[in-house]
Structure formats: structure tokens, C-alpha cells
N, C-alpha and C. Protein backbone atom coordinates (compact mmCIF):
# COMPACT_ATOMS: atom_id res chain seq x y z
N MET A 1 43.56 -34.93 -60.31
CA MET A 1 42.55 -33.91 -60.07
C MET A 1 41.77 -34.21 -58.81
N ALA A 2 41.39 -35.49 -58.65
CA ALA A 2 40.65 -35.90 -57.46
C ALA A 2 41.51 -35.75 -56.23
N THR A 3 42.81 -36.04 -56.39
CA THR A 3 43.72 -35.92 -55.25
C THR A 3 43.81 -34.47 -54.80
N ARG A 4 43.86 -33.53 -55.75
CA ARG A 4 43.94 -32.11 -55.41
C ARG A 4 42.68 -31.65 -54.68
N GLN A 5 41.50 -32.10 -55.12
CA GLN A 5 40.25 -31.71 -54.47
C GLN A 5 40.20 -32.20 -53.03
N ARG A 6 40.66 -33.47 -52.87
CA ARG A 6 40.67 -33.99 -51.50
C ARG A 6 41.62 -33.20 -50.62
N GLY A 7 42.72 -32.75 -51.19
CA GLY A 7 43.66 -31.95 -50.42
C GLY A 7 43.09 -30.61 -50.03
N GLN A 8 42.36 -29.99 -50.95
CA GLN A 8 41.74 -28.70 -50.64
C GLN A 8 40.67 -28.85 -49.57
N ALA A 9 39.91 -29.94 -49.67
CA ALA A 9 38.87 -30.18 -48.65
C ALA A 9 39.50 -30.40 -47.29
N GLY A 10 40.63 -31.11 -47.28
CA GLY A 10 41.30 -31.34 -46.00
C GLY A 10 41.84 -30.07 -45.40
N GLN A 11 42.29 -29.14 -46.26
CA GLN A 11 42.78 -27.87 -45.75
C GLN A 11 41.65 -26.98 -45.24
N ALA A 12 40.47 -27.08 -45.87
CA ALA A 12 39.34 -26.23 -45.47
C ALA A 12 38.69 -26.70 -44.18
N PHE A 13 38.80 -28.00 -43.88
CA PHE A 13 38.11 -28.54 -42.71
C PHE A 13 38.52 -27.86 -41.41
N PRO A 14 39.81 -27.65 -41.14
CA PRO A 14 40.18 -26.94 -39.90
C PRO A 14 39.61 -25.52 -39.84
N ILE A 15 39.49 -24.89 -41.01
CA ILE A 15 38.93 -23.53 -41.03
C ILE A 15 37.48 -23.57 -40.58
N TYR A 16 36.75 -24.59 -41.08
CA TYR A 16 35.35 -24.73 -40.67
C TYR A 16 35.25 -24.94 -39.17
N ILE A 17 36.15 -25.75 -38.64
CA ILE A 17 36.13 -26.03 -37.20
C ILE A 17 36.35 -24.74 -36.41
N VAL A 18 37.32 -23.94 -36.85
CA VAL A 18 37.60 -22.68 -36.16
C VAL A 18 36.41 -21.74 -36.25
N MET A 19 35.78 -21.69 -37.42
CA MET A 19 34.63 -20.81 -37.59
C MET A 19 33.47 -21.23 -36.69
N VAL A 20 33.21 -22.54 -36.65
CA VAL A 20 32.12 -23.04 -35.79
C VAL A 20 32.42 -22.76 -34.33
N ALA A 21 33.68 -23.00 -33.92
CA ALA A 21 34.06 -22.73 -32.53
C ALA A 21 33.90 -21.25 -32.20
N GLY A 22 34.29 -20.39 -33.16
CA GLY A 22 34.14 -18.96 -32.94
C GLY A 22 32.70 -18.54 -32.80
N LEU A 23 31.84 -19.12 -33.64
CA LEU A 23 30.41 -18.80 -33.55
C LEU A 23 29.82 -19.28 -32.24
N LEU A 24 30.24 -20.47 -31.80
CA LEU A 24 29.75 -20.98 -30.52
C LEU A 24 30.20 -20.08 -29.37
N PHE A 25 31.46 -19.66 -29.41
CA PHE A 25 31.95 -18.77 -28.35
C PHE A 25 31.18 -17.46 -28.35
N LEU A 26 30.92 -16.93 -29.55
CA LEU A 26 30.17 -15.68 -29.65
C LEU A 26 28.76 -15.85 -29.08
N ALA A 27 28.15 -17.00 -29.37
CA ALA A 27 26.80 -17.25 -28.86
C ALA A 27 26.82 -17.32 -27.33
N PHE A 28 27.81 -18.02 -26.78
CA PHE A 28 27.90 -18.12 -25.31
C PHE A 28 28.21 -16.76 -24.69
N ALA A 29 29.03 -15.97 -25.38
CA ALA A 29 29.35 -14.63 -24.86
C ALA A 29 28.11 -13.75 -24.84
N LEU A 30 27.32 -13.82 -25.92
CA LEU A 30 26.08 -13.05 -25.95
C LEU A 30 25.12 -13.51 -24.87
N PHE A 31 25.09 -14.80 -24.62
CA PHE A 31 24.24 -15.32 -23.55
C PHE A 31 24.70 -14.79 -22.20
N ALA A 32 26.03 -14.74 -22.00
CA ALA A 32 26.57 -14.22 -20.74
C ALA A 32 26.23 -12.75 -20.57
N VAL A 33 26.32 -11.99 -21.67
CA VAL A 33 25.95 -10.58 -21.60
C VAL A 33 24.47 -10.44 -21.25
N GLY A 34 23.65 -11.31 -21.82
CA GLY A 34 22.22 -11.30 -21.48
C GLY A 34 21.99 -11.62 -20.01
N GLN A 35 22.74 -12.58 -19.48
CA GLN A 35 22.63 -12.90 -18.05
C GLN A 35 22.98 -11.69 -17.19
N ALA A 36 24.09 -11.04 -17.53
CA ALA A 36 24.52 -9.88 -16.75
C ALA A 36 23.50 -8.75 -16.85
N SER A 37 22.95 -8.55 -18.05
CA SER A 37 21.95 -7.50 -18.23
C SER A 37 20.70 -7.79 -17.42
N ALA A 38 20.28 -9.05 -17.40
CA ALA A 38 19.10 -9.43 -16.62
C ALA A 38 19.34 -9.20 -15.13
N ALA A 39 20.55 -9.52 -14.67
CA ALA A 39 20.87 -9.31 -13.26
C ALA A 39 20.87 -7.83 -12.92
N ARG A 40 21.43 -7.01 -13.82
CA ARG A 40 21.43 -5.56 -13.58
C ARG A 40 20.01 -5.00 -13.55
N ASN A 41 19.18 -5.48 -14.47
CA ASN A 41 17.79 -5.02 -14.48
C ASN A 41 17.06 -5.43 -13.20
N GLY A 42 17.36 -6.64 -12.73
CA GLY A 42 16.75 -7.08 -11.48
C GLY A 42 17.19 -6.22 -10.31
N ALA A 43 18.48 -5.89 -10.28
CA ALA A 43 18.99 -5.04 -9.20
C ALA A 43 18.38 -3.65 -9.26
N GLN A 44 18.23 -3.11 -10.49
CA GLN A 44 17.65 -1.77 -10.61
C GLN A 44 16.19 -1.76 -10.19
N GLY A 45 15.46 -2.82 -10.55
CA GLY A 45 14.07 -2.91 -10.12
C GLY A 45 13.95 -2.98 -8.61
N ALA A 46 14.86 -3.71 -7.98
CA ALA A 46 14.85 -3.81 -6.52
C ALA A 46 15.18 -2.47 -5.88
N ALA A 47 16.15 -1.75 -6.45
CA ALA A 47 16.52 -0.44 -5.91
C ALA A 47 15.37 0.56 -6.05
N ASP A 48 14.72 0.55 -7.21
CA ASP A 48 13.57 1.44 -7.42
C ASP A 48 12.47 1.16 -6.40
N ALA A 49 12.16 -0.12 -6.22
CA ALA A 49 11.10 -0.50 -5.28
C ALA A 49 11.46 -0.11 -3.85
N ALA A 50 12.72 -0.29 -3.47
CA ALA A 50 13.15 0.03 -2.11
C ALA A 50 13.07 1.53 -1.85
N ALA A 51 13.55 2.33 -2.79
CA ALA A 51 13.52 3.79 -2.61
C ALA A 51 12.09 4.32 -2.55
N LEU A 52 11.23 3.83 -3.44
CA LEU A 52 9.84 4.27 -3.44
C LEU A 52 9.12 3.86 -2.16
N ALA A 53 9.38 2.65 -1.69
CA ALA A 53 8.73 2.18 -0.47
C ALA A 53 9.13 3.04 0.72
N ALA A 54 10.41 3.39 0.80
CA ALA A 54 10.88 4.23 1.90
C ALA A 54 10.24 5.61 1.84
N ALA A 55 10.17 6.19 0.64
CA ALA A 55 9.59 7.52 0.49
C ALA A 55 8.10 7.52 0.81
N GLN A 56 7.40 6.48 0.40
CA GLN A 56 5.96 6.40 0.67
C GLN A 56 5.68 6.24 2.15
N GLU A 57 6.50 5.44 2.84
CA GLU A 57 6.30 5.30 4.28
C GLU A 57 6.59 6.62 4.99
N ALA A 58 7.65 7.31 4.57
CA ALA A 58 7.99 8.60 5.18
C ALA A 58 6.87 9.61 4.94
N ARG A 59 6.28 9.57 3.76
CA ARG A 59 5.19 10.51 3.46
C ARG A 59 4.02 10.34 4.43
N GLU A 60 3.69 9.11 4.77
CA GLU A 60 2.59 8.88 5.69
C GLU A 60 2.87 9.45 7.07
N GLU A 61 4.14 9.54 7.43
CA GLU A 61 4.51 10.06 8.74
C GLU A 61 4.51 11.59 8.79
N LEU A 62 4.32 12.24 7.65
CA LEU A 62 4.37 13.70 7.60
C LEU A 62 3.04 14.36 7.96
N ARG A 63 1.98 13.61 7.98
CA ARG A 63 0.65 14.21 8.16
C ARG A 63 0.52 14.96 9.48
N VAL A 64 0.87 14.32 10.58
CA VAL A 64 0.72 14.94 11.90
C VAL A 64 1.62 16.16 12.06
N PRO A 65 2.93 16.07 11.78
CA PRO A 65 3.77 17.28 11.93
C PRO A 65 3.36 18.40 10.97
N PHE A 66 2.83 18.05 9.80
CA PHE A 66 2.37 19.08 8.87
C PHE A 66 1.19 19.85 9.47
N LEU A 67 0.23 19.15 10.04
CA LEU A 67 -0.92 19.81 10.65
C LEU A 67 -0.49 20.64 11.86
N GLN A 68 0.47 20.13 12.61
CA GLN A 68 0.98 20.90 13.75
C GLN A 68 1.67 22.18 13.28
N ALA A 69 2.37 22.10 12.15
CA ALA A 69 3.08 23.27 11.63
C ALA A 69 2.10 24.37 11.23
N LEU A 70 0.93 23.99 10.74
CA LEU A 70 -0.06 24.99 10.33
C LEU A 70 -0.58 25.81 11.50
N ARG A 71 -0.43 25.31 12.70
CA ARG A 71 -0.93 26.03 13.88
C ARG A 71 0.03 27.12 14.33
N GLU A 72 1.26 27.11 13.81
CA GLU A 72 2.26 28.10 14.20
C GLU A 72 2.32 29.23 13.18
N PRO A 73 2.66 30.45 13.62
CA PRO A 73 2.68 31.61 12.71
C PRO A 73 3.53 31.40 11.46
N ASP A 74 4.75 30.89 11.63
CA ASP A 74 5.61 30.63 10.47
C ASP A 74 5.97 29.15 10.40
N GLY A 75 5.04 28.35 10.91
CA GLY A 75 5.32 26.93 11.02
C GLY A 75 5.49 26.22 9.70
N LEU A 76 4.75 26.63 8.67
CA LEU A 76 4.82 25.92 7.39
C LEU A 76 6.20 26.07 6.76
N ASN A 77 6.75 27.30 6.75
CA ASN A 77 8.08 27.50 6.18
C ASN A 77 9.14 26.74 6.97
N GLU A 78 9.02 26.74 8.28
CA GLU A 78 9.97 26.00 9.10
C GLU A 78 9.86 24.50 8.84
N PHE A 79 8.63 24.04 8.67
CA PHE A 79 8.41 22.62 8.40
C PHE A 79 9.03 22.22 7.06
N LEU A 80 8.78 23.01 6.03
CA LEU A 80 9.28 22.68 4.70
C LEU A 80 10.79 22.80 4.59
N GLY A 81 11.38 23.64 5.42
CA GLY A 81 12.82 23.82 5.37
C GLY A 81 13.59 22.93 6.30
N GLY A 82 12.89 22.17 7.14
CA GLY A 82 13.56 21.32 8.11
C GLY A 82 13.64 19.88 7.67
N ALA A 83 14.52 19.12 8.32
CA ALA A 83 14.66 17.69 8.02
C ALA A 83 13.51 16.94 8.67
N GLN A 84 12.68 16.30 7.87
CA GLN A 84 11.50 15.63 8.39
C GLN A 84 11.61 14.11 8.36
N ASN A 85 12.56 13.56 7.59
CA ASN A 85 12.53 12.13 7.33
C ASN A 85 13.79 11.35 7.69
N PRO A 86 14.68 11.85 8.54
CA PRO A 86 15.92 11.11 8.78
C PRO A 86 15.64 9.72 9.36
N GLY A 87 16.15 8.69 8.68
CA GLY A 87 16.02 7.33 9.17
C GLY A 87 14.72 6.65 8.84
N LEU A 88 13.70 7.38 8.40
CA LEU A 88 12.41 6.76 8.13
C LEU A 88 12.48 5.91 6.86
N GLY A 89 11.71 4.83 6.86
CA GLY A 89 11.56 4.03 5.65
C GLY A 89 12.55 2.92 5.46
N ARG A 90 13.52 2.75 6.35
CA ARG A 90 14.54 1.73 6.13
C ARG A 90 13.94 0.33 6.15
N GLU A 91 13.02 0.07 7.07
CA GLU A 91 12.42 -1.26 7.14
C GLU A 91 11.64 -1.58 5.88
N GLU A 92 10.91 -0.60 5.36
CA GLU A 92 10.17 -0.82 4.12
C GLU A 92 11.12 -1.05 2.95
N ALA A 93 12.22 -0.32 2.93
CA ALA A 93 13.20 -0.52 1.87
C ALA A 93 13.78 -1.93 1.93
N ASP A 94 14.10 -2.39 3.13
CA ASP A 94 14.62 -3.75 3.30
C ASP A 94 13.59 -4.78 2.84
N ARG A 95 12.34 -4.55 3.18
CA ARG A 95 11.28 -5.51 2.85
C ARG A 95 11.09 -5.62 1.34
N LEU A 96 11.06 -4.48 0.66
CA LEU A 96 10.86 -4.50 -0.79
C LEU A 96 12.08 -5.05 -1.52
N ALA A 97 13.27 -4.77 -1.00
CA ALA A 97 14.47 -5.33 -1.62
C ALA A 97 14.47 -6.85 -1.48
N ALA A 98 14.11 -7.36 -0.31
CA ALA A 98 14.07 -8.80 -0.09
C ALA A 98 13.04 -9.46 -1.00
N ARG A 99 11.92 -8.78 -1.21
CA ARG A 99 10.89 -9.33 -2.10
C ARG A 99 11.44 -9.48 -3.52
N ASN A 100 12.41 -8.65 -3.87
CA ASN A 100 13.02 -8.72 -5.20
C ASN A 100 14.37 -9.43 -5.17
N ARG A 101 14.57 -10.29 -4.18
CA ARG A 101 15.77 -11.12 -4.06
C ARG A 101 17.04 -10.28 -4.02
N SER A 102 16.99 -9.24 -3.23
CA SER A 102 18.14 -8.35 -3.08
C SER A 102 18.23 -7.88 -1.63
N GLU A 103 19.31 -7.21 -1.30
CA GLU A 103 19.48 -6.64 0.04
C GLU A 103 19.95 -5.20 -0.07
N VAL A 104 19.54 -4.38 0.89
CA VAL A 104 19.94 -2.98 0.91
C VAL A 104 21.34 -2.87 1.50
N THR A 105 22.25 -2.27 0.77
CA THR A 105 23.62 -2.09 1.24
C THR A 105 23.93 -0.64 1.60
N GLY A 106 23.06 0.27 1.21
CA GLY A 106 23.24 1.68 1.54
C GLY A 106 21.89 2.38 1.56
N PHE A 107 21.73 3.30 2.52
CA PHE A 107 20.43 3.97 2.67
C PHE A 107 20.66 5.31 3.35
N TYR A 108 20.23 6.40 2.71
CA TYR A 108 20.39 7.71 3.36
C TYR A 108 19.41 8.72 2.78
N TRP A 109 19.09 9.70 3.62
CA TRP A 109 18.22 10.82 3.26
C TRP A 109 19.05 12.07 3.04
N ARG A 110 18.55 12.96 2.15
CA ARG A 110 19.14 14.28 1.95
C ARG A 110 18.03 15.32 2.03
N GLN A 111 18.25 16.29 2.86
CA GLN A 111 17.25 17.33 3.10
C GLN A 111 17.30 18.39 2.00
N GLY A 112 16.13 18.91 1.63
CA GLY A 112 16.05 20.01 0.69
C GLY A 112 14.79 20.80 0.94
N PHE A 113 14.80 22.08 0.61
CA PHE A 113 13.62 22.90 0.84
C PHE A 113 12.50 22.45 -0.09
N TRP A 114 11.37 22.14 0.48
CA TRP A 114 10.17 21.64 -0.21
C TRP A 114 10.30 20.19 -0.65
N GLN A 115 11.44 19.58 -0.44
CA GLN A 115 11.55 18.17 -0.81
C GLN A 115 12.70 17.50 -0.05
N ASP A 116 12.53 16.21 0.22
CA ASP A 116 13.58 15.39 0.79
C ASP A 116 13.81 14.21 -0.14
N ARG A 117 15.06 13.77 -0.25
CA ARG A 117 15.40 12.67 -1.14
C ARG A 117 15.93 11.49 -0.34
N VAL A 118 15.56 10.29 -0.77
CA VAL A 118 16.08 9.09 -0.14
C VAL A 118 16.71 8.22 -1.23
N THR A 119 17.91 7.74 -0.95
CA THR A 119 18.64 6.89 -1.89
C THR A 119 18.83 5.51 -1.28
N ALA A 120 18.53 4.49 -2.06
CA ALA A 120 18.72 3.10 -1.63
C ALA A 120 19.69 2.42 -2.59
N ARG A 121 20.70 1.79 -2.04
CA ARG A 121 21.64 1.00 -2.83
C ARG A 121 21.40 -0.47 -2.50
N VAL A 122 21.35 -1.31 -3.52
CA VAL A 122 21.05 -2.72 -3.29
C VAL A 122 22.05 -3.61 -4.02
N LYS A 123 22.11 -4.85 -3.55
CA LYS A 123 22.90 -5.90 -4.21
C LYS A 123 22.02 -7.14 -4.31
N THR A 124 22.04 -7.79 -5.46
CA THR A 124 21.22 -8.98 -5.63
C THR A 124 21.74 -10.11 -4.75
N LEU A 125 20.82 -10.94 -4.27
CA LEU A 125 21.20 -12.11 -3.49
C LEU A 125 21.60 -13.28 -4.38
N TYR A 126 21.38 -13.14 -5.66
CA TYR A 126 21.75 -14.17 -6.63
C TYR A 126 22.89 -13.66 -7.50
N ALA A 127 23.75 -14.58 -7.94
CA ALA A 127 24.89 -14.21 -8.77
C ALA A 127 24.48 -14.21 -10.24
N VAL A 128 25.34 -13.64 -11.05
CA VAL A 128 25.08 -13.61 -12.49
C VAL A 128 25.02 -15.02 -13.05
N GLY A 129 25.93 -15.91 -12.59
CA GLY A 129 25.91 -17.30 -13.02
C GLY A 129 27.12 -17.66 -13.86
N ASN A 130 27.24 -18.96 -14.17
CA ASN A 130 28.36 -19.45 -14.97
C ASN A 130 28.25 -18.97 -16.41
N SER A 131 29.38 -18.63 -16.98
CA SER A 131 29.42 -18.21 -18.39
C SER A 131 30.85 -18.30 -18.88
N VAL A 132 31.02 -18.00 -20.17
CA VAL A 132 32.37 -18.02 -20.74
C VAL A 132 33.18 -16.81 -20.28
N LEU A 133 32.50 -15.80 -19.75
CA LEU A 133 33.20 -14.62 -19.24
C LEU A 133 33.73 -14.90 -17.85
N PRO A 134 34.93 -14.46 -17.54
CA PRO A 134 35.52 -14.75 -16.23
C PRO A 134 34.81 -14.01 -15.10
N SER A 135 34.82 -14.63 -13.93
CA SER A 135 34.38 -14.00 -12.67
C SER A 135 32.88 -13.71 -12.60
N THR A 136 32.08 -14.31 -13.45
CA THR A 136 30.64 -14.05 -13.37
C THR A 136 29.93 -15.02 -12.43
N LYS A 137 30.57 -16.13 -12.12
CA LYS A 137 29.92 -17.15 -11.30
C LYS A 137 29.49 -16.60 -9.95
N ASP A 138 30.34 -15.82 -9.31
CA ASP A 138 30.06 -15.30 -7.97
C ASP A 138 29.82 -13.79 -7.96
N ARG A 139 29.59 -13.21 -9.10
CA ARG A 139 29.39 -11.76 -9.17
C ARG A 139 27.91 -11.42 -8.97
N HIS A 140 27.66 -10.44 -8.10
CA HIS A 140 26.29 -9.98 -7.83
C HIS A 140 26.08 -8.60 -8.44
N ALA A 141 24.92 -8.39 -9.00
CA ALA A 141 24.62 -7.09 -9.60
C ALA A 141 24.27 -6.08 -8.51
N THR A 142 24.62 -4.83 -8.74
CA THR A 142 24.31 -3.75 -7.80
C THR A 142 23.61 -2.61 -8.55
N ALA A 143 22.87 -1.82 -7.81
CA ALA A 143 22.18 -0.66 -8.40
C ALA A 143 21.77 0.28 -7.29
N SER A 144 21.43 1.50 -7.66
CA SER A 144 20.92 2.47 -6.69
C SER A 144 19.77 3.24 -7.32
N ALA A 145 18.92 3.79 -6.47
CA ALA A 145 17.78 4.59 -6.94
C ALA A 145 17.48 5.66 -5.90
N THR A 146 16.96 6.77 -6.36
CA THR A 146 16.61 7.89 -5.48
C THR A 146 15.15 8.27 -5.71
N ALA A 147 14.42 8.38 -4.62
CA ALA A 147 13.03 8.83 -4.66
C ALA A 147 12.92 10.13 -3.87
N VAL A 148 11.96 10.95 -4.25
CA VAL A 148 11.78 12.25 -3.61
C VAL A 148 10.39 12.33 -3.00
N VAL A 149 10.32 12.93 -1.81
CA VAL A 149 9.05 13.31 -1.19
C VAL A 149 8.94 14.82 -1.35
N GLU A 150 8.01 15.26 -2.16
CA GLU A 150 8.00 16.65 -2.61
C GLU A 150 6.67 17.34 -2.27
N PHE A 151 6.77 18.51 -1.65
CA PHE A 151 5.58 19.32 -1.37
C PHE A 151 5.07 19.89 -2.68
N ARG A 152 3.84 19.57 -3.02
CA ARG A 152 3.32 19.91 -4.35
C ARG A 152 2.26 21.02 -4.35
N CYS A 153 2.15 21.76 -3.27
CA CYS A 153 1.05 22.71 -3.12
C CYS A 153 1.56 24.14 -2.95
N SER A 154 0.65 25.06 -3.15
CA SER A 154 0.89 26.47 -2.82
C SER A 154 -0.28 26.96 -1.98
N LEU A 155 0.02 27.79 -1.00
CA LEU A 155 -1.01 28.31 -0.09
C LEU A 155 -1.62 29.56 -0.72
N LYS A 156 -2.93 29.52 -0.95
CA LYS A 156 -3.60 30.64 -1.61
C LYS A 156 -3.76 31.83 -0.66
N THR A 157 -4.12 31.55 0.58
CA THR A 157 -4.32 32.62 1.56
C THR A 157 -3.75 32.19 2.89
N THR A 158 -3.38 33.15 3.70
CA THR A 158 -2.91 32.88 5.06
C THR A 158 -4.02 33.29 6.03
N PRO A 159 -4.77 32.33 6.55
CA PRO A 159 -5.91 32.66 7.40
C PRO A 159 -5.47 33.16 8.76
N LYS A 160 -6.34 33.94 9.38
CA LYS A 160 -6.09 34.43 10.72
C LYS A 160 -6.73 33.48 11.74
N PRO A 161 -6.16 33.40 12.94
CA PRO A 161 -6.76 32.54 13.96
C PRO A 161 -8.17 33.00 14.29
N THR A 162 -9.02 32.02 14.52
CA THR A 162 -10.37 32.35 14.98
C THR A 162 -10.32 32.66 16.47
N ASP A 163 -11.13 33.61 16.89
CA ASP A 163 -11.13 34.06 18.29
C ASP A 163 -12.40 33.55 18.97
N PRO A 164 -12.26 32.60 19.89
CA PRO A 164 -13.45 32.07 20.56
C PRO A 164 -14.19 33.13 21.36
N ARG A 165 -13.56 34.26 21.68
CA ARG A 165 -14.23 35.30 22.46
C ARG A 165 -15.32 36.01 21.65
N GLN A 166 -15.31 35.78 20.30
CA GLN A 166 -16.32 36.40 19.47
C GLN A 166 -17.64 35.64 19.48
N GLY A 167 -17.68 34.52 20.14
CA GLY A 167 -18.88 33.69 20.17
C GLY A 167 -19.80 34.08 21.31
N ASP A 168 -20.61 33.11 21.75
CA ASP A 168 -21.56 33.33 22.84
C ASP A 168 -20.83 33.52 24.16
N GLY A 169 -21.62 33.85 25.15
CA GLY A 169 -21.04 34.06 26.48
C GLY A 169 -20.35 32.82 27.00
N ASP A 170 -20.92 31.63 26.67
CA ASP A 170 -20.30 30.40 27.13
C ASP A 170 -18.93 30.21 26.50
N GLU A 171 -18.77 30.70 25.27
CA GLU A 171 -17.49 30.55 24.60
C GLU A 171 -16.40 31.35 25.28
N LYS A 172 -16.78 32.44 25.95
CA LYS A 172 -15.77 33.28 26.59
C LYS A 172 -15.07 32.57 27.73
N ASP A 173 -15.71 31.53 28.25
CA ASP A 173 -15.11 30.81 29.35
C ASP A 173 -14.03 29.84 28.87
N LYS A 174 -13.94 29.63 27.56
CA LYS A 174 -12.95 28.69 27.05
C LYS A 174 -11.57 29.32 27.09
N ASP A 175 -10.58 28.46 27.04
CA ASP A 175 -9.19 28.91 27.08
C ASP A 175 -8.86 29.67 25.81
N ASP A 176 -8.51 30.96 25.95
CA ASP A 176 -8.22 31.78 24.79
C ASP A 176 -6.97 31.31 24.04
N SER A 177 -6.13 30.51 24.69
CA SER A 177 -4.89 30.07 24.06
C SER A 177 -5.14 29.03 22.98
N LYS A 178 -6.35 28.56 22.85
CA LYS A 178 -6.64 27.51 21.89
C LYS A 178 -7.18 28.07 20.58
N ASP A 179 -6.83 29.31 20.28
CA ASP A 179 -7.24 29.89 19.00
C ASP A 179 -6.71 29.01 17.87
N THR A 180 -7.54 28.73 16.89
CA THR A 180 -7.17 27.84 15.80
C THR A 180 -7.19 28.59 14.48
N PRO A 181 -6.06 28.64 13.75
CA PRO A 181 -6.07 29.28 12.44
C PRO A 181 -6.80 28.40 11.43
N GLY A 182 -7.27 29.05 10.39
CA GLY A 182 -7.88 28.27 9.33
C GLY A 182 -9.27 28.75 8.99
N PRO A 183 -9.88 28.08 8.03
CA PRO A 183 -9.29 26.98 7.27
C PRO A 183 -8.24 27.45 6.26
N PHE A 184 -7.36 26.52 5.86
CA PHE A 184 -6.30 26.81 4.90
C PHE A 184 -6.74 26.33 3.52
N GLU A 185 -6.48 27.15 2.53
CA GLU A 185 -6.82 26.78 1.16
C GLU A 185 -5.53 26.66 0.34
N PHE A 186 -5.24 25.44 -0.08
CA PHE A 186 -4.07 25.16 -0.90
C PHE A 186 -4.50 24.83 -2.33
N THR A 187 -3.57 25.02 -3.24
CA THR A 187 -3.73 24.51 -4.60
C THR A 187 -2.63 23.48 -4.83
N CYS A 188 -3.02 22.25 -5.06
CA CYS A 188 -2.06 21.15 -5.18
C CYS A 188 -2.17 20.54 -6.58
N ASP A 189 -1.18 20.83 -7.41
CA ASP A 189 -1.21 20.38 -8.81
C ASP A 189 -2.51 20.77 -9.49
N GLY A 190 -2.95 22.00 -9.23
CA GLY A 190 -4.15 22.52 -9.85
C GLY A 190 -5.44 22.13 -9.17
N ARG A 191 -5.35 21.36 -8.12
CA ARG A 191 -6.54 20.90 -7.41
C ARG A 191 -6.69 21.65 -6.10
N PRO A 192 -7.87 22.23 -5.81
CA PRO A 192 -8.04 22.93 -4.54
C PRO A 192 -8.14 21.95 -3.38
N VAL A 193 -7.42 22.24 -2.31
CA VAL A 193 -7.44 21.41 -1.10
C VAL A 193 -7.65 22.33 0.09
N ILE A 194 -8.72 22.13 0.82
CA ILE A 194 -9.03 22.95 1.99
C ILE A 194 -8.81 22.13 3.25
N ILE A 195 -8.04 22.68 4.17
CA ILE A 195 -7.72 21.99 5.42
C ILE A 195 -8.30 22.78 6.58
N ASP A 196 -9.16 22.14 7.32
CA ASP A 196 -9.79 22.75 8.49
C ASP A 196 -9.24 22.07 9.74
N LEU A 197 -8.44 22.80 10.50
CA LEU A 197 -7.80 22.22 11.68
C LEU A 197 -8.80 21.92 12.78
N ASP A 198 -10.00 22.49 12.72
CA ASP A 198 -11.02 22.19 13.72
C ASP A 198 -11.67 20.84 13.49
N SER A 199 -11.46 20.28 12.30
CA SER A 199 -12.04 18.97 12.01
C SER A 199 -11.31 17.90 12.80
N SER A 200 -12.06 16.90 13.26
CA SER A 200 -11.45 15.83 14.05
C SER A 200 -10.52 14.97 13.19
N ASP A 201 -10.79 14.90 11.90
CA ASP A 201 -9.94 14.12 11.00
C ASP A 201 -9.84 14.84 9.66
N PRO A 202 -9.03 15.90 9.60
CA PRO A 202 -8.95 16.67 8.36
C PRO A 202 -8.29 15.89 7.24
N LEU A 203 -9.08 15.46 6.29
CA LEU A 203 -8.59 14.80 5.09
C LEU A 203 -7.73 13.57 5.40
N ALA A 204 -8.38 12.42 5.43
CA ALA A 204 -7.68 11.18 5.74
C ALA A 204 -6.54 10.91 4.76
N GLU A 205 -6.71 11.32 3.51
CA GLU A 205 -5.67 11.11 2.49
C GLU A 205 -4.79 12.34 2.33
N LEU A 206 -4.65 13.10 3.39
CA LEU A 206 -3.94 14.38 3.31
C LEU A 206 -2.52 14.22 2.78
N SER A 207 -1.78 13.24 3.28
CA SER A 207 -0.38 13.10 2.90
C SER A 207 -0.22 12.92 1.39
N LYS A 208 -1.09 12.11 0.80
CA LYS A 208 -1.00 11.88 -0.64
C LYS A 208 -1.40 13.10 -1.45
N LEU A 209 -2.31 13.90 -0.90
CA LEU A 209 -2.72 15.12 -1.60
C LEU A 209 -1.64 16.19 -1.56
N ILE A 210 -0.96 16.28 -0.43
CA ILE A 210 0.00 17.36 -0.20
C ILE A 210 1.39 17.03 -0.72
N PHE A 211 1.80 15.77 -0.60
CA PHE A 211 3.17 15.38 -0.94
C PHE A 211 3.18 14.36 -2.07
N ALA A 212 3.99 14.64 -3.08
CA ALA A 212 4.18 13.71 -4.20
C ALA A 212 5.40 12.84 -3.92
N VAL A 213 5.34 11.59 -4.37
CA VAL A 213 6.47 10.67 -4.26
C VAL A 213 6.76 10.12 -5.66
N HIS A 214 8.01 10.24 -6.09
CA HIS A 214 8.38 9.70 -7.40
C HIS A 214 9.89 9.52 -7.46
N LEU A 215 10.32 8.71 -8.41
CA LEU A 215 11.74 8.49 -8.63
C LEU A 215 12.33 9.65 -9.42
N ILE A 216 13.61 9.93 -9.18
CA ILE A 216 14.31 10.96 -9.94
C ILE A 216 15.68 10.43 -10.35
N ASP A 217 16.24 11.01 -11.39
CA ASP A 217 17.62 10.71 -11.78
C ASP A 217 18.55 11.49 -10.86
N ASP A 218 19.49 10.80 -10.28
CA ASP A 218 20.35 11.45 -9.31
C ASP A 218 21.80 11.02 -9.52
């Protein structure tokens, strides 16, 4: 009887070894999946930051051409329908990607009426790392993100140019070609925004009031 029990125990021991080895492999595999997931999340965070940084920098550059467009009869529609951001923001995208231990491998703008989109593709500078899964040692995670610079306002009224000849006699001596339209009254996400082109510094935060920047699924 004792001999039979010892025989059964001897037969079960290899099974235990296989089970333990299988559990260990499963644990290492799950760890490898976690490593890969962390790398992908890091790459996606870097891509998001790069795209947003590029869009925000481009938005700041829109203030002057936007004000210039308001001086033209149909300037606003031409401005909103034209390409305003080609090439802008690449340095900021590179800087934010580097801050997140990644590099920009692709960068481009797409024009759209009332909005422009910028896409940044990145690759992590660090590899996934050693694991039981093949080819992870030298594999780098990649990701892409798209941000939009979007005109968020509607023009309530179209003002007529002011005529300096309607002023005092001294005003008549001024150059009539410098007629200035305005002020303009916009509604931006439900908020009234008045732009007076005669002001030396019309709304220092104009770009942020007029243009929204956010990530989109693309």
C-alpha cells in the first residue's frame, strides 16, 4: 500500500512541475503585456502633447492675420477658408515629444473651413524591454494624435467702415483710405466678444477667445 502511494506521488510530481512552470510563464507573459501597454500609453501621451503644443503655437500666430482679415470686405470668409497654419508648430511638437522621451516621426497639417487639423506621429526613445515575448527587447511603441484649431465664434453684425470725413475739419485732412470698420461683435461659445480695430491692442487674449484647441479622434 505504501509502495503504491509513493508511486502515485512520484507520478504527480512532474505534473506539479509543469503546472508551476506554466503559471510562471503566464505571470511573465502578463508582465510583458503590461510593459507593452505602458509603452503604448507613454507613446500616446507624447503624441497628444505634441499635437496640442503645435496647435496652441499655431493659434497664437493667428491673431495678426485675423485682425488684418477684418479690415477687408470679405476678409473673414477668405481667412477662415484659407490655409493658415502650414508648417507651424513643428518645433513645439518636437519639444513636447522629447519631454516625454519620444521623437516626432510624422507631422502634417490639413486645411478645413473654420478649422485646421495637425497630426503628430511619435515613437518612444525607449524600448518595451526584455520579456518572454519575442522581439520586445528592441521594439519601440508608436502612436499618433490629431489636434484641431477651430474658429468658435459667429459674427452678430457686419459693421460699416467709419468715415473720418464725418469728424471735425482737422479730420478731413487725414487720409481717407484709412477708414476702419468696426467695432465687430462676435458671440464665442455664448460669450460676447467685441473687437475694436482702432484699439492699439485689441484683446490681448484674442486668439484664445476666438479659436479653440482640442484633441479629436481621427
